[in-house]
PDB file of all heavy atoms in Angstrom:
ATOM      1  N   SER A   1       0.823  -1.210   0.000  1.00  0.00           N
ATOM      2  CA  SER A   1       0.000   0.000   0.000  1.00  0.00           C
ATOM      3  C   SER A   1       0.857   1.259   0.000  1.00  0.00           C
ATOM      4  O   SER A   1       0.558   2.233  -0.708  1.00  0.00           O
ATOM      5  CB  SER A   1      -0.928  -0.006   1.219  1.00  0.00           C
ATOM      6  OG  SER A   1      -1.792  -1.128   1.207  1.00  0.00           O
ATOM      7  N   ILE A   2       1.926   1.265   0.792  1.00  0.00           N
ATOM      8  CA  ILE A   2       2.817   2.426   0.837  1.00  0.00           C
ATOM      9  C   ILE A   2       3.438   2.681  -0.530  1.00  0.00           C
ATOM     10  O   ILE A   2       3.528   3.829  -0.986  1.00  0.00           O
ATOM     11  CB  ILE A   2       3.909   2.234   1.912  1.00  0.00           C
ATOM     12  CG1 ILE A   2       3.291   2.297   3.308  1.00  0.00           C
ATOM     13  CG2 ILE A   2       5.012   3.283   1.765  1.00  0.00           C
ATOM     14  CD1 ILE A   2       4.266   1.956   4.420  1.00  0.00           C
ATOM     15  N   PHE A   3       3.873   1.621  -1.197  1.00  0.00           N
ATOM     16  CA  PHE A   3       4.451   1.778  -2.528  1.00  0.00           C
ATOM     17  C   PHE A   3       3.429   2.381  -3.491  1.00  0.00           C
ATOM     18  O   PHE A   3       3.764   3.223  -4.325  1.00  0.00           O
ATOM     19  CB  PHE A   3       4.950   0.431  -3.044  1.00  0.00           C
ATOM     20  CG  PHE A   3       6.366   0.116  -2.671  1.00  0.00           C
ATOM     21  CD1 PHE A   3       6.866   0.462  -1.422  1.00  0.00           C
ATOM     22  CD2 PHE A   3       7.211  -0.539  -3.548  1.00  0.00           C
ATOM     23  CE1 PHE A   3       8.181   0.177  -1.062  1.00  0.00           C
ATOM     24  CE2 PHE A   3       8.521  -0.821  -3.213  1.00  0.00           C
ATOM     25  CZ  PHE A   3       9.008  -0.466  -1.967  1.00  0.00           C
ATOM     26  N   ALA A   4       2.179   1.940  -3.375  1.00  0.00           N
ATOM     27  CA  ALA A   4       1.139   2.483  -4.255  1.00  0.00           C
ATOM     28  C   ALA A   4       0.854   3.945  -3.943  1.00  0.00           C
ATOM     29  O   ALA A   4       0.738   4.780  -4.855  1.00  0.00           O
ATOM     30  CB  ALA A   4      -0.140   1.663  -4.111  1.00  0.00           C
ATOM     31  N   ILE A   5       0.768   4.277  -2.671  1.00  0.00           N
ATOM     32  CA  ILE A   5       0.424   5.633  -2.258  1.00  0.00           C
ATOM     33  C   ILE A   5       1.517   6.630  -2.633  1.00  0.00           C
ATOM     34  O   ILE A   5       1.230   7.790  -2.960  1.00  0.00           O
ATOM     35  CB  ILE A   5       0.159   5.669  -0.736  1.00  0.00           C
ATOM     36  CG1 ILE A   5      -1.124   4.885  -0.420  1.00  0.00           C
ATOM     37  CG2 ILE A   5       0.045   7.095  -0.206  1.00  0.00           C
ATOM     38  CD1 ILE A   5      -1.302   4.561   1.055  1.00  0.00           C
ATOM     39  N   THR A   6       2.765   6.173  -2.631  1.00  0.00           N
ATOM     40  CA  THR A   6       3.893   7.090  -2.868  1.00  0.00           C
ATOM     41  C   THR A   6       4.452   7.010  -4.282  1.00  0.00           C
ATOM     42  O   THR A   6       5.445   7.681  -4.585  1.00  0.00           O
ATOM     43  CB  THR A   6       5.026   6.800  -1.872  1.00  0.00           C
ATOM     44  OG1 THR A   6       5.457   5.436  -2.013  1.00  0.00           O
ATOM     45  CG2 THR A   6       4.563   7.033  -0.435  1.00  0.00           C
ATOM     46  N   ASP A   7       3.842   6.228  -5.150  1.00  0.00           N
ATOM     47  CA  ASP A   7       4.340   6.091  -6.517  1.00  0.00           C
ATOM     48  C   ASP A   7       3.944   7.314  -7.342  1.00  0.00           C
ATOM     49  O   ASP A   7       2.756   7.612  -7.506  1.00  0.00           O
ATOM     50  CB  ASP A   7       3.767   4.819  -7.152  1.00  0.00           C
ATOM     51  CG  ASP A   7       4.481   4.451  -8.448  1.00  0.00           C
ATOM     52  OD1 ASP A   7       4.917   5.364  -9.176  1.00  0.00           O
ATOM     53  OD2 ASP A   7       4.604   3.248  -8.723  1.00  0.00           O
ATOM     54  N   GLU A   8       4.915   8.012  -7.874  1.00  0.00           N
ATOM     55  CA  GLU A   8       4.646   9.246  -8.628  1.00  0.00           C
ATOM     56  C   GLU A   8       3.845   8.990  -9.893  1.00  0.00           C
ATOM     57  O   GLU A   8       3.204   9.898 -10.428  1.00  0.00           O
ATOM     58  CB  GLU A   8       5.961   9.939  -8.984  1.00  0.00           C
ATOM     59  CG  GLU A   8       6.869   9.134  -9.903  1.00  0.00           C
ATOM     60  CD  GLU A   8       8.142   9.866 -10.245  1.00  0.00           C
ATOM     61  OE1 GLU A   8       8.067  11.072 -10.570  1.00  0.00           O
ATOM     62  OE2 GLU A   8       9.227   9.230 -10.184  1.00  0.00           O
ATOM     63  N   TYR A   9       3.893   7.768 -10.399  1.00  0.00           N
ATOM     64  CA  TYR A   9       3.167   7.455 -11.631  1.00  0.00           C
ATOM     65  C   TYR A   9       1.759   6.918 -11.376  1.00  0.00           C
ATOM     66  O   TYR A   9       1.022   6.659 -12.327  1.00  0.00           O
ATOM     67  CB  TYR A   9       3.958   6.436 -12.459  1.00  0.00           C
ATOM     68  CG  TYR A   9       5.275   6.978 -12.933  1.00  0.00           C
ATOM     69  CD1 TYR A   9       6.472   6.511 -12.392  1.00  0.00           C
ATOM     70  CD2 TYR A   9       5.336   7.970 -13.909  1.00  0.00           C
ATOM     71  CE1 TYR A   9       7.691   7.012 -12.823  1.00  0.00           C
ATOM     72  CE2 TYR A   9       6.558   8.480 -14.340  1.00  0.00           C
ATOM     73  CZ  TYR A   9       7.724   7.994 -13.801  1.00  0.00           C
ATOM     74  OH  TYR A   9       8.940   8.498 -14.219  1.00  0.00           O
ATOM     75  N   ASN A  10       1.406   6.738 -10.114  1.00  0.00           N
ATOM     76  CA  ASN A  10       0.064   6.272  -9.779  1.00  0.00           C
ATOM     77  C   ASN A  10      -0.852   7.490  -9.665  1.00  0.00           C
ATOM     78  O   ASN A  10      -0.917   8.146  -8.630  1.00  0.00           O
ATOM     79  CB  ASN A  10       0.086   5.486  -8.470  1.00  0.00           C
ATOM     80  CG  ASN A  10      -1.268   4.925  -8.100  1.00  0.00           C
ATOM     81  OD1 ASN A  10      -2.242   5.063  -8.852  1.00  0.00           O
ATOM     82  ND2 ASN A  10      -1.342   4.292  -6.937  1.00  0.00           N
ATOM     83  N   THR A  11      -1.547   7.792 -10.722  1.00  0.00           N
ATOM     84  CA  THR A  11      -2.341   9.027 -10.776  1.00  0.00           C
ATOM     85  C   THR A  11      -3.576   8.981  -9.879  1.00  0.00           C
ATOM     86  O   THR A  11      -4.187  10.008  -9.630  1.00  0.00           O
ATOM     87  CB  THR A  11      -2.791   9.302 -12.224  1.00  0.00           C
ATOM     88  OG1 THR A  11      -3.541   8.184 -12.713  1.00  0.00           O
ATOM     89  CG2 THR A  11      -1.587   9.533 -13.116  1.00  0.00           C
ATOM     90  N   ILE A  12      -3.941   7.805  -9.404  1.00  0.00           N
ATOM     91  CA  ILE A  12      -5.093   7.680  -8.509  1.00  0.00           C
ATOM     92  C   ILE A  12      -4.683   7.833  -7.044  1.00  0.00           C
ATOM     93  O   ILE A  12      -5.506   8.019  -6.161  1.00  0.00           O
ATOM     94  CB  ILE A  12      -5.794   6.320  -8.721  1.00  0.00           C
ATOM     95  CG1 ILE A  12      -6.200   6.179 -10.186  1.00  0.00           C
ATOM     96  CG2 ILE A  12      -7.035   6.190  -7.866  1.00  0.00           C
ATOM     97  CD1 ILE A  12      -7.144   7.275 -10.673  1.00  0.00           C
ATOM     98  N   ALA A  13      -3.387   7.766  -6.766  1.00  0.00           N
ATOM     99  CA  ALA A  13      -2.906   7.889  -5.393  1.00  0.00           C
ATOM    100  C   ALA A  13      -3.179   9.285  -4.856  1.00  0.00           C
ATOM    101  O   ALA A  13      -3.283  10.253  -5.625  1.00  0.00           O
ATOM    102  CB  ALA A  13      -1.409   7.599  -5.344  1.00  0.00           C
ATOM    103  N   PRO A  14      -3.290   9.425  -3.531  1.00  0.00           N
ATOM    104  CA  PRO A  14      -3.498  10.751  -2.951  1.00  0.00           C
ATOM    105  C   PRO A  14      -2.339  11.672  -3.274  1.00  0.00           C
ATOM    106  O   PRO A  14      -1.181  11.246  -3.312  1.00  0.00           O
ATOM    107  CB  PRO A  14      -3.575  10.467  -1.445  1.00  0.00           C
ATOM    108  CG  PRO A  14      -2.904   9.158  -1.266  1.00  0.00           C
ATOM    109  CD  PRO A  14      -3.191   8.374  -2.506  1.00  0.00           C
ATOM    110  N   GLN A  15      -2.646  12.902  -3.520  1.00  0.00           N
ATOM    111  CA  GLN A  15      -1.635  13.861  -3.953  1.00  0.00           C
ATOM    112  C   GLN A  15      -1.107  14.674  -2.776  1.00  0.00           C
ATOM    113  O   GLN A  15      -1.756  14.805  -1.731  1.00  0.00           O
ATOM    114  CB  GLN A  15      -2.227  14.796  -5.011  1.00  0.00           C
ATOM    115  CG  GLN A  15      -2.764  14.062  -6.239  1.00  0.00           C
ATOM    116  CD  GLN A  15      -1.703  13.254  -6.954  1.00  0.00           C
ATOM    117  OE1 GLN A  15      -0.638  13.772  -7.294  1.00  0.00           O
ATOM    118  NE2 GLN A  15      -1.985  11.973  -7.181  1.00  0.00           N
ATOM    119  N   ALA A  16       0.077  15.226  -2.977  1.00  0.00           N
ATOM    120  CA  ALA A  16       0.718  16.132  -2.018  1.00  0.00           C
ATOM    121  C   ALA A  16       0.772  15.508  -0.628  1.00  0.00           C
ATOM    122  O   ALA A  16       1.102  14.338  -0.464  1.00  0.00           O
ATOM    123  CB  ALA A  16       0.000  17.477  -2.005  1.00  0.00           C
ATOM    124  N   ASN A  17       0.418  16.283   0.406  1.00  0.00           N
ATOM    125  CA  ASN A  17       0.615  15.849   1.782  1.00  0.00           C
ATOM    126  C   ASN A  17      -0.474  14.928   2.314  1.00  0.00           C
ATOM    127  O   ASN A  17      -0.384  14.458   3.443  1.00  0.00           O
ATOM    128  CB  ASN A  17       0.708  17.079   2.699  1.00  0.00           C
ATOM    129  CG  ASN A  17       1.921  17.924   2.380  1.00  0.00           C
ATOM    130  OD1 ASN A  17       2.935  17.414   1.927  1.00  0.00           O
ATOM    131  ND2 ASN A  17       1.817  19.219   2.614  1.00  0.00           N
ATOM    132  N   SER A  18      -1.501  14.662   1.513  1.00  0.00           N
ATOM    133  CA  SER A  18      -2.566  13.794   1.997  1.00  0.00           C
ATOM    134  C   SER A  18      -2.137  12.337   2.083  1.00  0.00           C
ATOM    135  O   SER A  18      -2.798  11.525   2.730  1.00  0.00           O
ATOM    136  CB  SER A  18      -3.803  13.923   1.109  1.00  0.00           C
ATOM    137  OG  SER A  18      -3.493  13.555  -0.227  1.00  0.00           O
ATOM    138  N   GLY A  19      -1.017  11.994   1.448  1.00  0.00           N
ATOM    139  CA  GLY A  19      -0.527  10.628   1.511  1.00  0.00           C
ATOM    140  C   GLY A  19      -0.253  10.178   2.934  1.00  0.00           C
ATOM    141  O   GLY A  19      -0.470   9.006   3.272  1.00  0.00           O
ATOM    142  N   ALA A  20       0.211  11.094   3.783  1.00  0.00           N
ATOM    143  CA  ALA A  20       0.488  10.739   5.179  1.00  0.00           C
ATOM    144  C   ALA A  20      -0.773  10.279   5.896  1.00  0.00           C
ATOM    145  O   ALA A  20      -0.740   9.320   6.684  1.00  0.00           O
ATOM    146  CB  ALA A  20       1.093  11.943   5.906  1.00  0.00           C
ATOM    147  N   LEU A  21      -1.879  10.932   5.620  1.00  0.00           N
ATOM    148  CA  LEU A  21      -3.141  10.565   6.252  1.00  0.00           C
ATOM    149  C   LEU A  21      -3.604   9.194   5.768  1.00  0.00           C
ATOM    150  O   LEU A  21      -4.061   8.362   6.567  1.00  0.00           O
ATOM    151  CB  LEU A  21      -4.205  11.620   5.961  1.00  0.00           C
ATOM    152  CG  LEU A  21      -5.565  11.414   6.610  1.00  0.00           C
ATOM    153  CD1 LEU A  21      -5.446  11.395   8.130  1.00  0.00           C
ATOM    154  CD2 LEU A  21      -6.544  12.506   6.157  1.00  0.00           C
ATOM    155  N   ILE A  22      -3.463   8.937   4.477  1.00  0.00           N
ATOM    156  CA  ILE A  22      -3.909   7.667   3.927  1.00  0.00           C
ATOM    157  C   ILE A  22      -3.053   6.517   4.456  1.00  0.00           C
ATOM    158  O   ILE A  22      -3.562   5.431   4.757  1.00  0.00           O
ATOM    159  CB  ILE A  22      -3.906   7.701   2.391  1.00  0.00           C
ATOM    160  CG1 ILE A  22      -4.761   8.865   1.887  1.00  0.00           C
ATOM    161  CG2 ILE A  22      -4.397   6.384   1.823  1.00  0.00           C
ATOM    162  CD1 ILE A  22      -6.201   8.856   2.402  1.00  0.00           C
ATOM    163  N   ILE A  23      -1.753   6.721   4.570  1.00  0.00           N
ATOM    164  CA  ILE A  23      -0.891   5.682   5.147  1.00  0.00           C
ATOM    165  C   ILE A  23      -1.323   5.395   6.582  1.00  0.00           C
ATOM    166  O   ILE A  23      -1.368   4.236   7.013  1.00  0.00           O
ATOM    167  CB  ILE A  23       0.582   6.103   5.086  1.00  0.00           C
ATOM    168  CG1 ILE A  23       1.068   6.112   3.628  1.00  0.00           C
ATOM    169  CG2 ILE A  23       1.461   5.163   5.918  1.00  0.00           C
ATOM    170  CD1 ILE A  23       2.459   6.681   3.436  1.00  0.00           C
ATOM    171  N   GLY A  24      -1.661   6.434   7.332  1.00  0.00           N
ATOM    172  CA  GLY A  24      -2.177   6.222   8.679  1.00  0.00           C
ATOM    173  C   GLY A  24      -3.452   5.404   8.680  1.00  0.00           C
ATOM    174  O   GLY A  24      -3.652   4.523   9.527  1.00  0.00           O
ATOM    175  N   PHE A  25      -4.317   5.659   7.720  1.00  0.00           N
ATOM    176  CA  PHE A  25      -5.559   4.891   7.615  1.00  0.00           C
ATOM    177  C   PHE A  25      -5.274   3.430   7.266  1.00  0.00           C
ATOM    178  O   PHE A  25      -5.990   2.527   7.712  1.00  0.00           O
ATOM    179  CB  PHE A  25      -6.487   5.505   6.570  1.00  0.00           C
ATOM    180  CG  PHE A  25      -7.224   6.727   7.046  1.00  0.00           C
ATOM    181  CD1 PHE A  25      -7.600   7.712   6.153  1.00  0.00           C
ATOM    182  CD2 PHE A  25      -7.552   6.892   8.374  1.00  0.00           C
ATOM    183  CE1 PHE A  25      -8.284   8.849   6.578  1.00  0.00           C
ATOM    184  CE2 PHE A  25      -8.235   8.014   8.820  1.00  0.00           C
ATOM    185  CZ  PHE A  25      -8.607   8.997   7.919  1.00  0.00           C
ATOM    186  N   VAL A  26      -4.243   3.188   6.460  1.00  0.00           N
ATOM    187  CA  VAL A  26      -3.863   1.804   6.148  1.00  0.00           C
ATOM    188  C   VAL A  26      -3.461   1.075   7.426  1.00  0.00           C
ATOM    189  O   VAL A  26      -3.906  -0.059   7.682  1.00  0.00           O
ATOM    190  CB  VAL A  26      -2.711   1.765   5.120  1.00  0.00           C
ATOM    191  CG1 VAL A  26      -2.181   0.337   4.964  1.00  0.00           C
ATOM    192  CG2 VAL A  26      -3.172   2.300   3.774  1.00  0.00           C
ATOM    193  N   VAL A  27      -2.624   1.715   8.241  1.00  0.00           N
ATOM    194  CA  VAL A  27      -2.214   1.115   9.511  1.00  0.00           C
ATOM    195  C   VAL A  27      -3.428   0.854  10.399  1.00  0.00           C
ATOM    196  O   VAL A  27      -3.557  -0.220  11.008  1.00  0.00           O
ATOM    197  CB  VAL A  27      -1.197   2.025  10.232  1.00  0.00           C
ATOM    198  CG1 VAL A  27      -0.905   1.506  11.642  1.00  0.00           C
ATOM    199  CG2 VAL A  27       0.085   2.127   9.424  1.00  0.00           C
ATOM    200  N   ALA A  28      -4.330   1.831  10.467  1.00  0.00           N
ATOM    201  CA  ALA A  28      -5.536   1.671  11.281  1.00  0.00           C
ATOM    202  C   ALA A  28      -6.415   0.544  10.764  1.00  0.00           C
ATOM    203  O   ALA A  28      -6.968  -0.244  11.539  1.00  0.00           O
ATOM    204  CB  ALA A  28      -6.319   2.981  11.313  1.00  0.00           C
ATOM    205  N   ALA A  29      -6.553   0.433   9.446  1.00  0.00           N
ATOM    206  CA  ALA A  29      -7.382  -0.622   8.866  1.00  0.00           C
ATOM    207  C   ALA A  29      -6.805  -2.001   9.158  1.00  0.00           C
ATOM    208  O   ALA A  29      -7.555  -2.950   9.446  1.00  0.00           O
ATOM    209  CB  ALA A  29      -7.522  -0.407   7.359  1.00  0.00           C
ATOM    210  N   ILE A  30      -5.487  -2.110   9.096  1.00  0.00           N
ATOM    211  CA  ILE A  30      -4.853  -3.388   9.426  1.00  0.00           C
ATOM    212  C   ILE A  30      -5.144  -3.747  10.879  1.00  0.00           C
ATOM    213  O   ILE A  30      -5.486  -4.892  11.202  1.00  0.00           O
ATOM    214  CB  ILE A  30      -3.340  -3.330   9.169  1.00  0.00           C
ATOM    215  CG1 ILE A  30      -3.057  -3.188   7.668  1.00  0.00           C
ATOM    216  CG2 ILE A  30      -2.640  -4.573   9.715  1.00  0.00           C
ATOM    217  CD1 ILE A  30      -1.601  -2.909   7.342  1.00  0.00           C
ATOM    218  N   GLY A  31      -5.022  -2.775  11.768  1.00  0.00           N
ATOM    219  CA  GLY A  31      -5.285  -3.035  13.177  1.00  0.00           C
ATOM    220  C   GLY A  31      -6.730  -3.384  13.452  1.00  0.00           C
ATOM    221  O   GLY A  31      -7.040  -4.300  14.230  1.00  0.00           O
ATOM    222  N   ALA A  32      -7.644  -2.678  12.809  1.00  0.00           N
ATOM    223  CA  ALA A  32      -9.062  -2.914  13.030  1.00  0.00           C
ATOM    224  C   ALA A  32      -9.503  -4.275  12.518  1.00  0.00           C
ATOM    225  O   ALA A  32     -10.434  -4.882  13.044  1.00  0.00           O
ATOM    226  CB  ALA A  32      -9.885  -1.820  12.357  1.00  0.00           C
ATOM    227  N   SER A  33      -8.812  -4.775  11.495  1.00  0.00           N
ATOM    228  CA  SER A  33      -9.213  -6.051  10.891  1.00  0.00           C
ATOM    229  C   SER A  33      -8.426  -7.241  11.414  1.00  0.00           C
ATOM    230  O   SER A  33      -8.883  -8.381  11.299  1.00  0.00           O
ATOM    231  CB  SER A  33      -9.055  -5.976   9.367  1.00  0.00           C
ATOM    232  OG  SER A  33      -7.707  -5.710   9.011  1.00  0.00           O
ATOM    233  N   ALA A  34      -7.239  -7.004  11.992  1.00  0.00           N
ATOM    234  CA  ALA A  34      -6.395  -8.131  12.396  1.00  0.00           C
ATOM    235  C   ALA A  34      -5.634  -7.892  13.692  1.00  0.00           C
ATOM    236  O   ALA A  34      -4.769  -8.703  14.052  1.00  0.00           O
ATOM    237  CB  ALA A  34      -5.408  -8.456  11.270  1.00  0.00           C
ATOM    238  N   GLY A  35      -5.932  -6.826  14.407  1.00  0.00           N
ATOM    239  CA  GLY A  35      -5.163  -6.482  15.587  1.00  0.00           C
ATOM    240  C   GLY A  35      -5.198  -7.506  16.699  1.00  0.00           C
ATOM    241  O   GLY A  35      -4.224  -7.677  17.434  1.00  0.00           O
ATOM    242  N   TYR A  36      -6.304  -8.214  16.837  1.00  0.00           N
ATOM    243  CA  TYR A  36      -6.426  -9.179  17.926  1.00  0.00           C
ATOM    244  C   TYR A  36      -5.611 -10.451  17.690  1.00  0.00           C
ATOM    245  O   TYR A  36      -5.420 -11.241  18.606  1.00  0.00           O
ATOM    246  CB  TYR A  36      -7.892  -9.544  18.147  1.00  0.00           C
ATOM    247  CG  TYR A  36      -8.583  -8.726  19.218  1.00  0.00           C
ATOM    248  CD1 TYR A  36      -8.202  -7.417  19.458  1.00  0.00           C
ATOM    249  CD2 TYR A  36      -9.612  -9.265  19.981  1.00  0.00           C
ATOM    250  CE1 TYR A  36      -8.825  -6.655  20.431  1.00  0.00           C
ATOM    251  CE2 TYR A  36     -10.250  -8.512  20.971  1.00  0.00           C
ATOM    252  CZ  TYR A  36      -9.850  -7.200  21.184  1.00  0.00           C
ATOM    253  OH  TYR A  36     -10.462  -6.459  22.163  1.00  0.00           O
ATOM    254  N   LEU A  37      -5.141 -10.668  16.477  1.00  0.00           N
ATOM    255  CA  LEU A  37      -4.387 -11.891  16.191  1.00  0.00           C
ATOM    256  C   LEU A  37      -3.077 -11.940  16.969  1.00  0.00           C
ATOM    257  O   LEU A  37      -2.789 -12.917  17.653  1.00  0.00           O
ATOM    258  CB  LEU A  37      -4.110 -12.002  14.689  1.00  0.00           C
ATOM    259  CG  LEU A  37      -5.329 -12.289  13.813  1.00  0.00           C
ATOM    260  CD1 LEU A  37      -4.957 -12.174  12.344  1.00  0.00           C
ATOM    261  CD2 LEU A  37      -5.892 -13.674  14.118  1.00  0.00           C
ATOM    262  N   GLU A  38      -2.265 -10.883  16.848  1.00  0.00           N
ATOM    263  CA  GLU A  38      -1.020 -10.828  17.607  1.00  0.00           C
ATOM    264  C   GLU A  38      -0.541  -9.397  17.813  1.00  0.00           C
ATOM    265  O   GLU A  38       0.633  -9.146  18.023  1.00  0.00           O
ATOM    266  CB  GLU A  38       0.096 -11.648  16.933  1.00  0.00           C
ATOM    267  CG  GLU A  38       0.569 -11.156  15.579  1.00  0.00           C
ATOM    268  CD  GLU A  38      -0.333 -11.590  14.444  1.00  0.00           C
ATOM    269  OE1 GLU A  38      -0.992 -12.638  14.569  1.00  0.00           O
ATOM    270  OE2 GLU A  38      -0.396 -10.859  13.448  1.00  0.00           O
ATOM    271  N   GLY A  39      -1.487  -8.452  17.772  1.00  0.00           N
ATOM    272  CA  GLY A  39      -1.121  -7.072  18.063  1.00  0.00           C
ATOM    273  C   GLY A  39      -0.613  -6.282  16.875  1.00  0.00           C
ATOM    274  O   GLY A  39      -0.196  -5.143  17.041  1.00  0.00           O
TER     275      GLY A  39
END
């Protein structure tokens, strides 16, 4: 996901500084869906 979000040629990726927020959401989504497995 990080590679996709930060790829300059991925025109659908979030632009400018919004990428930081989306990466945070990726981390949160992983935790919300699998956090109880092993933290």
